PDB file of N, CA and C in Angstrom:
ATOM      1  N   MET A   1       0.875  -1.168  -0.063  1.00  0.00           N
ATOM      2  CA  MET A   1      -0.009  -0.029   0.028  1.00  0.00           C
ATOM      3  C   MET A   1       0.889   1.249   0.034  1.00  0.00           C
ATOM      4  N   ARG A   2       1.888   1.287   0.769  1.00  0.00           N
ATOM      5  CA  ARG A   2       2.718   2.360   0.912  1.00  0.00           C
ATOM      6  C   ARG A   2       3.479   2.595  -0.432  1.00  0.00           C
ATOM      7  N   ARG A   3       3.901   1.575  -1.218  1.00  0.00           N
ATOM      8  CA  ARG A   3       4.574   1.685  -2.486  1.00  0.00           C
ATOM      9  C   ARG A   3       3.697   2.353  -3.491  1.00  0.00           C
ATOM     10  N   GLN A   4       2.380   1.955  -3.417  1.00  0.00           N
ATOM     11  CA  GLN A   4       1.402   2.494  -4.362  1.00  0.00           C
ATOM     12  C   GLN A   4       1.264   4.043  -4.166  1.00  0.00           C
ATOM     13  N   ARG A   5       1.150   4.472  -2.927  1.00  0.00           N
ATOM     14  CA  ARG A   5       1.020   5.895  -2.576  1.00  0.00           C
ATOM     15  C   ARG A   5       2.352   6.656  -3.117  1.00  0.00           C
ATOM     16  N   THR A   6       3.516   6.048  -2.809  1.00  0.00           N
ATOM     17  CA  THR A   6       4.745   6.678  -3.247  1.00  0.00           C
ATOM     18  C   THR A   6       4.816   6.764  -4.753  1.00  0.00           C
ATOM     19  N   ARG A   7       4.442   5.767  -5.475  1.00  0.00           N
ATOM     20  CA  ARG A   7       4.463   5.830  -6.869  1.00  0.00           C
ATOM     21  C   ARG A   7       3.526   6.837  -7.394  1.00  0.00           C
ATOM     22  N   ALA A   8       2.306   6.903  -6.816  1.00  0.00           N
ATOM     23  CA  ALA A   8       1.347   7.893  -7.204  1.00  0.00           C
ATOM     24  C   ALA A   8       1.952   9.376  -7.095  1.00  0.00           C
ATOM     25  N   ARG A   9       2.533   9.515  -5.962  1.00  0.00           N
ATOM     26  CA  ARG A   9       3.144  10.857  -5.613  1.00  0.00           C
ATOM     27  C   ARG A   9       4.170  11.186  -6.661  1.00  0.00           C
ATOM     28  N   LEU A  10       5.020  10.249  -6.908  1.00  0.00           N
ATOM     29  CA  LEU A  10       6.097  10.465  -7.954  1.00  0.00           C
ATOM     30  C   LEU A  10       5.524  10.812  -9.330  1.00  0.00           C
ATOM     31  N   ARG A  11       4.536  10.093  -9.780  1.00  0.00           N
ATOM     32  CA  ARG A  11       3.906  10.416 -11.045  1.00  0.00           C
ATOM     33  C   ARG A  11       3.276  11.731 -11.031  1.00  0.00           C
ATOM     34  N   ALA A  12       2.647  12.168  -9.931  1.00  0.00           N
ATOM     35  CA  ALA A  12       1.990  13.420  -9.820  1.00  0.00           C
ATOM     36  C   ALA A  12       3.033  14.505  -9.813  1.00  0.00           C
ATOM     37  N   ARG A  13       4.189  14.267  -9.125  1.00  0.00           N
ATOM     38  CA  ARG A  13       5.201  15.194  -9.124  1.00  0.00           C
ATOM     39  C   ARG A  13       5.923  15.470 -10.487  1.00  0.00           C
ATOM     40  N   ALA A  14       6.034  14.335 -11.197  1.00  0.00           N
ATOM     41  CA  ALA A  14       6.660  14.367 -12.514  1.00  0.00           C
ATOM     42  C   ALA A  14       5.779  15.189 -13.413  1.00  0.00           C
ATOM     43  N   ALA A  15       4.451  14.910 -13.415  1.00  0.00           N
ATOM     44  CA  ALA A  15       3.526  15.707 -14.264  1.00  0.00           C
ATOM     45  C   ALA A  15       3.535  17.162 -13.895  1.00  0.00           C
ATOM     46  N   TYR A  16       3.657  17.473 -12.574  1.00  0.00           N
ATOM     47  CA  TYR A  16       3.633  18.889 -12.121  1.00  0.00           C
ATOM     48  C   TYR A  16       4.920  19.584 -12.472  1.00  0.00           C
ATOM     49  N   ASP A  17       6.112  18.890 -12.501  1.00  0.00           N
ATOM     50  CA  ASP A  17       7.372  19.411 -12.939  1.00  0.00           C
ATOM     51  C   ASP A  17       7.458  19.813 -14.348  1.00  0.00           C
ATOM     52  N   ASP A  18       6.725  19.173 -15.204  1.00  0.00           N
ATOM     53  CA  ASP A  18       6.726  19.473 -16.723  1.00  0.00           C
ATOM     54  C   ASP A  18       5.697  20.551 -16.988  1.00  0.00           C
ATOM     55  N   ALA A  19       5.029  21.209 -16.113  1.00  0.00           N
ATOM     56  CA  ALA A  19       3.998  22.066 -16.283  1.00  0.00           C
ATOM     57  C   ALA A  19       4.532  23.503 -16.694  1.00  0.00           C
ATOM     58  N   MET A  20       3.623  24.133 -17.415  1.00  0.00           N
ATOM     59  CA  MET A  20       3.820  25.523 -17.924  1.00  0.00           C
ATOM     60  C   MET A  20       2.861  26.408 -17.132  1.00  0.00           C
ATOM     61  N   GLU A  21       3.432  27.537 -16.757  1.00  0.00           N
ATOM     62  CA  GLU A  21       2.686  28.498 -15.904  1.00  0.00           C
ATOM     63  C   GLU A  21       1.832  29.395 -16.883  1.00  0.00           C
ATOM     64  N   ILE A  22       0.650  29.608 -16.453  1.00  0.00           N
ATOM     65  CA  ILE A  22      -0.281  30.435 -17.200  1.00  0.00           C
ATOM     66  C   ILE A  22      -0.839  31.523 -16.249  1.00  0.00           C
ATOM     67  N   THR A  23      -0.868  32.771 -16.615  1.00  0.00           N
ATOM     68  CA  THR A  23      -1.480  33.846 -15.836  1.00  0.00           C
ATOM     69  C   THR A  23      -2.604  34.462 -16.682  1.00  0.00           C
ATOM     70  N   ILE A  24      -3.788  34.458 -16.066  1.00  0.00           N
ATOM     71  CA  ILE A  24      -4.962  35.070 -16.661  1.00  0.00           C
ATOM     72  C   ILE A  24      -5.402  36.299 -15.915  1.00  0.00           C
ATOM     73  N   GLY A  25      -5.490  37.424 -16.588  1.00  0.00           N
ATOM     74  CA  GLY A  25      -6.065  38.577 -15.970  1.00  0.00           C
ATOM     75  C   GLY A  25      -7.509  38.746 -16.307  1.00  0.00           C
ATOM     76  N   ILE A  26      -8.274  38.880 -15.166  1.00  0.00           N
ATOM     77  CA  ILE A  26      -9.744  38.964 -15.214  1.00  0.00           C
ATOM     78  C   ILE A  26     -10.168  40.377 -15.126  1.00  0.00           C
ATOM     79  N   ARG A  27     -10.985  40.763 -16.063  1.00  0.00           N
ATOM     80  CA  ARG A  27     -11.480  42.185 -16.056  1.00  0.00           C
ATOM     81  C   ARG A  27     -12.233  42.507 -14.736  1.00  0.00           C
ATOM     82  N   GLN A  28     -12.022  43.745 -14.214  1.00  0.00           N
ATOM     83  CA  GLN A  28     -12.596  44.204 -13.012  1.00  0.00           C
ATOM     84  C   GLN A  28     -12.341  43.379 -11.760  1.00  0.00           C
ATOM     85  N   VAL A  29     -11.243  42.581 -11.720  1.00  0.00           N
ATOM     86  CA  VAL A  29     -10.834  41.796 -10.601  1.00  0.00           C
ATOM     87  C   VAL A  29      -9.365  42.249 -10.333  1.00  0.00           C
ATOM     88  N   ALA A  30      -9.035  42.587  -9.083  1.00  0.00           N
ATOM     89  CA  ALA A  30      -7.686  43.033  -8.786  1.00  0.00           C
ATOM     90  C   ALA A  30      -6.679  41.951  -8.872  1.00  0.00           C
ATOM     91  N   ARG A  31      -7.075  40.754  -8.500  1.00  0.00           N
ATOM     92  CA  ARG A  31      -6.043  39.563  -8.529  1.00  0.00           C
ATOM     93  C   ARG A  31      -6.061  38.887  -9.818  1.00  0.00           C
ATOM     94  N   GLU A  32      -4.939  38.330 -10.181  1.00  0.00           N
ATOM     95  CA  GLU A  32      -4.866  37.580 -11.470  1.00  0.00           C
ATOM     96  C   GLU A  32      -4.895  36.040 -11.068  1.00  0.00           C
ATOM     97  N   LEU A  33      -5.354  35.281 -12.082  1.00  0.00           N
ATOM     98  CA  LEU A  33      -5.468  33.870 -11.873  1.00  0.00           C
ATOM     99  C   LEU A  33      -4.279  33.185 -12.378  1.00  0.00           C
ATOM    100  N   THR A  34      -3.489  32.426 -11.638  1.00  0.00           N
ATOM    101  CA  THR A  34      -2.283  31.634 -12.091  1.00  0.00           C
ATOM    102  C   THR A  34      -2.504  30.179 -11.855  1.00  0.00           C
ATOM    103  N   LEU A  35      -2.087  29.475 -12.918  1.00  0.00           N
ATOM    104  CA  LEU A  35      -2.176  28.011 -12.852  1.00  0.00           C
ATOM    105  C   LEU A  35      -1.117  27.369 -13.672  1.00  0.00           C
ATOM    106  N   GLU A  36      -0.803  26.163 -13.336  1.00  0.00           N
ATOM    107  CA  GLU A  36       0.185  25.406 -14.120  1.00  0.00           C
ATOM    108  C   GLU A  36      -0.475  24.366 -14.804  1.00  0.00           C
ATOM    109  N   THR A  37      -0.174  24.164 -16.104  1.00  0.00           N
ATOM    110  CA  THR A  37      -0.835  23.115 -16.919  1.00  0.00           C
ATOM    111  C   THR A  37       0.249  22.285 -17.619  1.00  0.00           C
ATOM    112  N   ASN A  38      -0.189  21.168 -18.047  1.00  0.00           N
ATOM    113  CA  ASN A  38       0.668  20.208 -18.845  1.00  0.00           C
ATOM    114  C   ASN A  38       0.339  20.402 -20.328  1.00  0.00           C
ATOM    115  N   GLN A  39      -0.638  21.238 -20.649  1.00  0.00           N
ATOM    116  CA  GLN A  39      -0.919  21.490 -22.111  1.00  0.00           C
ATOM    117  C   GLN A  39       0.147  22.280 -22.772  1.00  0.00           C
ATOM    118  N   SER A  40       0.320  22.103 -24.105  1.00  0.00           N
ATOM    119  CA  SER A  40       1.344  22.901 -24.761  1.00  0.00           C
ATOM    120  C   SER A  40       0.986  24.269 -25.069  1.00  0.00           C
ATOM    121  N   ALA A  41       1.891  25.157 -25.384  1.00  0.00           N
ATOM    122  CA  ALA A  41       1.583  26.549 -25.724  1.00  0.00           C
ATOM    123  C   ALA A  41       0.590  26.677 -26.867  1.00  0.00           C
ATOM    124  N   ASP A  42       0.792  25.770 -27.844  1.00  0.00           N
ATOM    125  CA  ASP A  42      -0.195  25.766 -29.020  1.00  0.00           C
ATOM    126  C   ASP A  42      -1.633  25.438 -28.567  1.00  0.00           C
ATOM    127  N   GLU A  43      -1.751  24.457 -27.692  1.00  0.00           N
ATOM    128  CA  GLU A  43      -3.114  24.149 -27.183  1.00  0.00           C
ATOM    129  C   GLU A  43      -3.703  25.302 -26.452  1.00  0.00           C
ATOM    130  N   ILE A  44      -2.959  25.970 -25.639  1.00  0.00           N
ATOM    131  CA  ILE A  44      -3.417  27.098 -24.831  1.00  0.00           C
ATOM    132  C   ILE A  44      -3.838  28.210 -25.698  1.00  0.00           C
ATOM    133  N   THR A  45      -2.971  28.510 -26.734  1.00  0.00           N
ATOM    134  CA  THR A  45      -3.268  29.563 -27.696  1.00  0.00           C
ATOM    135  C   THR A  45      -4.524  29.233 -28.397  1.00  0.00           C
ATOM    136  N   ALA A  46      -4.733  27.987 -28.858  1.00  0.00           N
ATOM    137  CA  ALA A  46      -5.984  27.765 -29.499  1.00  0.00           C
ATOM    138  C   ALA A  46      -7.146  27.905 -28.728  1.00  0.00           C
ATOM    139  N   ALA A  47      -7.015  27.480 -27.417  1.00  0.00           N
ATOM    140  CA  ALA A  47      -8.200  27.598 -26.496  1.00  0.00           C
ATOM    141  C   ALA A  47      -8.545  29.099 -26.187  1.00  0.00           C
ATOM    142  N   VAL A  48      -7.553  29.916 -26.112  1.00  0.00           N
ATOM    143  CA  VAL A  48      -7.744  31.313 -25.905  1.00  0.00           C
ATOM    144  C   VAL A  48      -8.345  31.940 -27.104  1.00  0.00           C
ATOM    145  N   GLU A  49      -7.843  31.642 -28.297  1.00  0.00           N
ATOM    146  CA  GLU A  49      -8.461  32.149 -29.580  1.00  0.00           C
ATOM    147  C   GLU A  49      -9.855  31.761 -29.716  1.00  0.00           C
ATOM    148  N   LYS A  50     -10.182  30.526 -29.360  1.00  0.00           N
ATOM    149  CA  LYS A  50     -11.595  30.063 -29.381  1.00  0.00           C
ATOM    150  C   LYS A  50     -12.405  30.827 -28.454  1.00  0.00           C
ATOM    151  N   ALA A  51     -11.941  31.063 -27.207  1.00  0.00           N
ATOM    152  CA  ALA A  51     -12.609  31.783 -26.168  1.00  0.00           C
ATOM    153  C   ALA A  51     -12.900  33.196 -26.583  1.00  0.00           C
ATOM    154  N   LEU A  52     -11.911  33.814 -27.232  1.00  0.00           N
ATOM    155  CA  LEU A  52     -12.184  35.222 -27.647  1.00  0.00           C
ATOM    156  C   LEU A  52     -13.138  35.392 -28.816  1.00  0.00           C
ATOM    157  N   ALA A  53     -13.310  34.149 -29.446  1.00  0.00           N
ATOM    158  CA  ALA A  53     -14.308  34.251 -30.612  1.00  0.00           C
ATOM    159  C   ALA A  53     -15.779  34.042 -30.056  1.00  0.00           C
ATOM    160  N   GLY A  54     -15.845  33.908 -28.769  1.00  0.00           N
ATOM    161  CA  GLY A  54     -17.214  33.817 -28.176  1.00  0.00           C
ATOM    162  C   GLY A  54     -17.530  32.608 -27.263  1.00  0.00           C
ATOM    163  N   ALA A  55     -16.645  31.762 -27.158  1.00  0.00           N
ATOM    164  CA  ALA A  55     -16.863  30.519 -26.306  1.00  0.00           C
ATOM    165  C   ALA A  55     -16.218  30.881 -24.898  1.00  0.00           C
ATOM    166  N   ILE A  56     -16.152  29.829 -24.059  1.00  0.00           N
ATOM    167  CA  ILE A  56     -15.585  30.005 -22.808  1.00  0.00           C
ATOM    168  C   ILE A  56     -14.172  29.499 -22.788  1.00  0.00           C
ATOM    169  N   LEU A  57     -13.210  30.066 -21.898  1.00  0.00           N
ATOM    170  CA  LEU A  57     -11.893  29.506 -21.788  1.00  0.00           C
ATOM    171  C   LEU A  57     -11.936  28.352 -20.725  1.00  0.00           C
ATOM    172  N   ASP A  58     -11.650  27.149 -21.086  1.00  0.00           N
ATOM    173  CA  ASP A  58     -11.738  25.966 -20.314  1.00  0.00           C
ATOM    174  C   ASP A  58     -10.349  25.280 -20.280  1.00  0.00           C
ATOM    175  N   LEU A  59      -9.655  25.394 -19.266  1.00  0.00           N
ATOM    176  CA  LEU A  59      -8.293  24.856 -18.984  1.00  0.00           C
ATOM    177  C   LEU A  59      -8.233  23.791 -17.910  1.00  0.00           C
ATOM    178  N   THR A  60      -7.398  22.839 -18.018  1.00  0.00           N
ATOM    179  CA  THR A  60      -7.111  21.875 -16.832  1.00  0.00           C
ATOM    180  C   THR A  60      -5.760  22.188 -16.399  1.00  0.00           C
ATOM    181  N   ASP A  61      -5.591  22.255 -15.061  1.00  0.00           N
ATOM    182  CA  ASP A  61      -4.198  22.468 -14.456  1.00  0.00           C
ATOM    183  C   ASP A  61      -3.435  21.143 -14.282  1.00  0.00           C
ATOM    184  N   ALA A  62      -2.254  21.189 -13.822  1.00  0.00           N
ATOM    185  CA  ALA A  62      -1.405  20.121 -13.725  1.00  0.00           C
ATOM    186  C   ALA A  62      -1.880  19.112 -12.673  1.00  0.00           C
ATOM    187  N   ARG A  63      -2.746  19.490 -11.802  1.00  0.00           N
ATOM    188  CA  ARG A  63      -3.291  18.606 -10.715  1.00  0.00           C
ATOM    189  C   ARG A  63      -4.660  18.174 -11.118  1.00  0.00           C
ATOM    190  N   GLY A  64      -5.143  18.382 -12.231  1.00  0.00           N
ATOM    191  CA  GLY A  64      -6.347  17.885 -12.714  1.00  0.00           C
ATOM    192  C   GLY A  64      -7.651  18.746 -12.456  1.00  0.00           C
ATOM    193  N   ARG A  65      -7.410  19.881 -11.925  1.00  0.00           N
ATOM    194  CA  ARG A  65      -8.541  20.854 -11.678  1.00  0.00           C
ATOM    195  C   ARG A  65      -8.909  21.703 -12.930  1.00  0.00           C
ATOM    196  N   ARG A  66     -10.064  21.887 -13.041  1.00  0.00           N
ATOM    197  CA  ARG A  66     -10.551  22.660 -14.330  1.00  0.00           C
ATOM    198  C   ARG A  66     -10.787  24.105 -13.919  1.00  0.00           C
ATOM    199  N   VAL A  67     -10.326  24.944 -14.810  1.00  0.00           N
ATOM    200  CA  VAL A  67     -10.586  26.458 -14.725  1.00  0.00           C
ATOM    201  C   VAL A  67     -11.330  26.921 -15.868  1.00  0.00           C
ATOM    202  N   ILE A  68     -12.568  27.493 -15.624  1.00  0.00           N
ATOM    203  CA  ILE A  68     -13.465  27.926 -16.618  1.00  0.00           C
ATOM    204  C   ILE A  68     -13.670  29.482 -16.506  1.00  0.00           C
ATOM    205  N   VAL A  69     -13.297  30.225 -17.539  1.00  0.00           N
ATOM    206  CA  VAL A  69     -13.474  31.644 -17.490  1.00  0.00           C
ATOM    207  C   VAL A  69     -14.317  32.086 -18.670  1.00  0.00           C
ATOM    208  N   PRO A  70     -15.333  32.928 -18.419  1.00  0.00           N
ATOM    209  CA  PRO A  70     -16.126  33.486 -19.505  1.00  0.00           C
ATOM    210  C   PRO A  70     -15.328  34.377 -20.362  1.00  0.00           C
ATOM    211  N   SER A  71     -15.550  34.318 -21.723  1.00  0.00           N
ATOM    212  CA  SER A  71     -14.729  35.023 -22.669  1.00  0.00           C
ATOM    213  C   SER A  71     -14.788  36.520 -22.416  1.00  0.00           C
ATOM    214  N   GLU A  72     -15.889  37.112 -22.003  1.00  0.00           N
ATOM    215  CA  GLU A  72     -16.062  38.469 -21.765  1.00  0.00           C
ATOM    216  C   GLU A  72     -15.260  38.966 -20.537  1.00  0.00           C
ATOM    217  N   ALA A  73     -14.823  38.026 -19.788  1.00  0.00           N
ATOM    218  CA  ALA A  73     -14.105  38.429 -18.502  1.00  0.00           C
ATOM    219  C   ALA A  73     -12.584  38.415 -18.693  1.00  0.00           C
ATOM    220  N   ILE A  74     -12.090  37.904 -19.741  1.00  0.00           N
ATOM    221  CA  ILE A  74     -10.689  37.763 -20.018  1.00  0.00           C
ATOM    222  C   ILE A  74     -10.115  39.126 -20.313  1.00  0.00           C
ATOM    223  N   GLY A  75      -9.179  39.552 -19.463  1.00  0.00           N
ATOM    224  CA  GLY A  75      -8.371  40.736 -19.700  1.00  0.00           C
ATOM    225  C   GLY A  75      -7.062  40.527 -20.498  1.00  0.00           C
ATOM    226  N   TYR A  76      -6.299  39.438 -20.121  1.00  0.00           N
ATOM    227  CA  TYR A  76      -5.097  39.064 -20.832  1.00  0.00           C
ATOM    228  C   TYR A  76      -4.788  37.688 -20.382  1.00  0.00           C
ATOM    229  N   VAL A  77      -3.913  37.017 -21.273  1.00  0.00           N
ATOM    230  CA  VAL A  77      -3.453  35.619 -20.904  1.00  0.00           C
ATOM    231  C   VAL A  77      -1.930  35.631 -21.171  1.00  0.00           C
ATOM    232  N   GLU A  78      -1.227  35.333 -20.131  1.00  0.00           N
ATOM    233  CA  GLU A  78       0.317  35.313 -20.220  1.00  0.00           C
ATOM    234  C   GLU A  78       0.760  33.892 -20.147  1.00  0.00           C
ATOM    235  N   LEU A  79       1.529  33.407 -21.076  1.00  0.00           N
ATOM    236  CA  LEU A  79       2.050  32.036 -21.040  1.00  0.00           C
ATOM    237  C   LEU A  79       3.503  32.054 -20.613  1.00  0.00           C
ATOM    238  N   GLY A  80       3.849  31.211 -19.749  1.00  0.00           N
ATOM    239  CA  GLY A  80       5.201  31.012 -19.259  1.00  0.00           C
ATOM    240  C   GLY A  80       6.070  30.264 -20.236  1.00  0.00           C
ATOM    241  N   ALA A  81       7.294  30.052 -19.888  1.00  0.00           N
ATOM    242  CA  ALA A  81       8.211  29.260 -20.749  1.00  0.00           C
ATOM    243  C   ALA A  81       7.846  27.787 -20.650  1.00  0.00           C
ATOM    244  N   GLU A  82       7.950  27.184 -21.856  1.00  0.00           N
ATOM    245  CA  GLU A  82       7.583  25.826 -22.081  1.00  0.00           C
ATOM    246  C   GLU A  82       8.842  24.853 -21.982  1.00  0.00           C
ATOM    247  N   GLU A  83       9.390  24.830 -20.747  1.00  0.00           N
ATOM    248  CA  GLU A  83      10.484  23.993 -20.473  1.00  0.00           C
ATOM    249  C   GLU A  83      10.449  23.252 -19.094  1.00  0.00           C
ATOM    250  N   THR A  84      11.171  22.232 -19.008  1.00  0.00           N
ATOM    251  CA  THR A  84      11.109  21.511 -17.729  1.00  0.00           C
ATOM    252  C   THR A  84      11.997  22.252 -16.728  1.00  0.00           C
ATOM    253  N   ARG A  85      11.662  22.091 -15.444  1.00  0.00           N
ATOM    254  CA  ARG A  85      12.420  22.633 -14.292  1.00  0.00           C
ATOM    255  C   ARG A  85      13.751  21.933 -14.111  1.00  0.00           C
ATOM    256  N   ARG A  86      14.743  22.617 -13.847  1.00  0.00           N
ATOM    257  CA  ARG A  86      15.987  21.950 -13.574  1.00  0.00           C
ATOM    258  C   ARG A  86      16.148  21.864 -12.034  1.00  0.00           C
ATOM    259  N   VAL A  87      16.857  20.786 -11.829  1.00  0.00           N
ATOM    260  CA  VAL A  87      17.196  20.493 -10.400  1.00  0.00           C
ATOM    261  C   VAL A  87      18.646  20.556 -10.211  1.00  0.00           C
ATOM    262  N   GLY A  88      19.159  21.168  -9.122  1.00  0.00           N
ATOM    263  CA  GLY A  88      20.541  21.101  -8.815  1.00  0.00           C
ATOM    264  C   GLY A  88      21.150  22.575  -8.968  1.00  0.00           C
ATOM    265  N   PHE A  89      22.415  22.608  -8.767  1.00  0.00           N
ATOM    266  CA  PHE A  89      23.043  23.903  -8.864  1.00  0.00           C
ATOM    267  C   PHE A  89      24.093  24.027  -9.960  1.00  0.00           C
ATOM    268  N   GLY A  90      24.235  23.065 -10.824  1.00  0.00           N
ATOM    269  CA  GLY A  90      25.134  23.071 -11.889  1.00  0.00           C
ATOM    270  C   GLY A  90      24.727  24.019 -13.016  1.00  0.00           C
ATOM    271  N   LYS A  91      25.639  24.458 -13.883  1.00  0.00           N
ATOM    272  CA  LYS A  91      25.287  25.274 -14.962  1.00  0.00           C
ATOM    273  C   LYS A  91      24.822  24.435 -16.034  1.00  0.00           C
ATOM    274  N   ALA A  92      23.821  24.982 -16.893  1.00  0.00           N
ATOM    275  CA  ALA A  92      23.256  24.269 -18.011  1.00  0.00           C
ATOM    276  C   ALA A  92      23.926  24.830 -19.268  1.00  0.00           C
TER     277      ALA A  92
END
């Protein structure tokens, strides 16, 4: 049982480490919405373009939670770098 939980945690952490950070500015809201997702930049761009055409912005974060934003509420969308996180202190 303990091994299963450990393996599940490692899989979840590996998925989270490959995530890309997205920041969404919501109109008339002081705070911005930040999430990390495993979707590619092209997938996010396509979803944002579809949302701006009149649909809703529907994204899933790295932990499996869904974020749904009405298209008229989107102020801006900022995509982070699409690279894996490095571990350690060595130079790359």
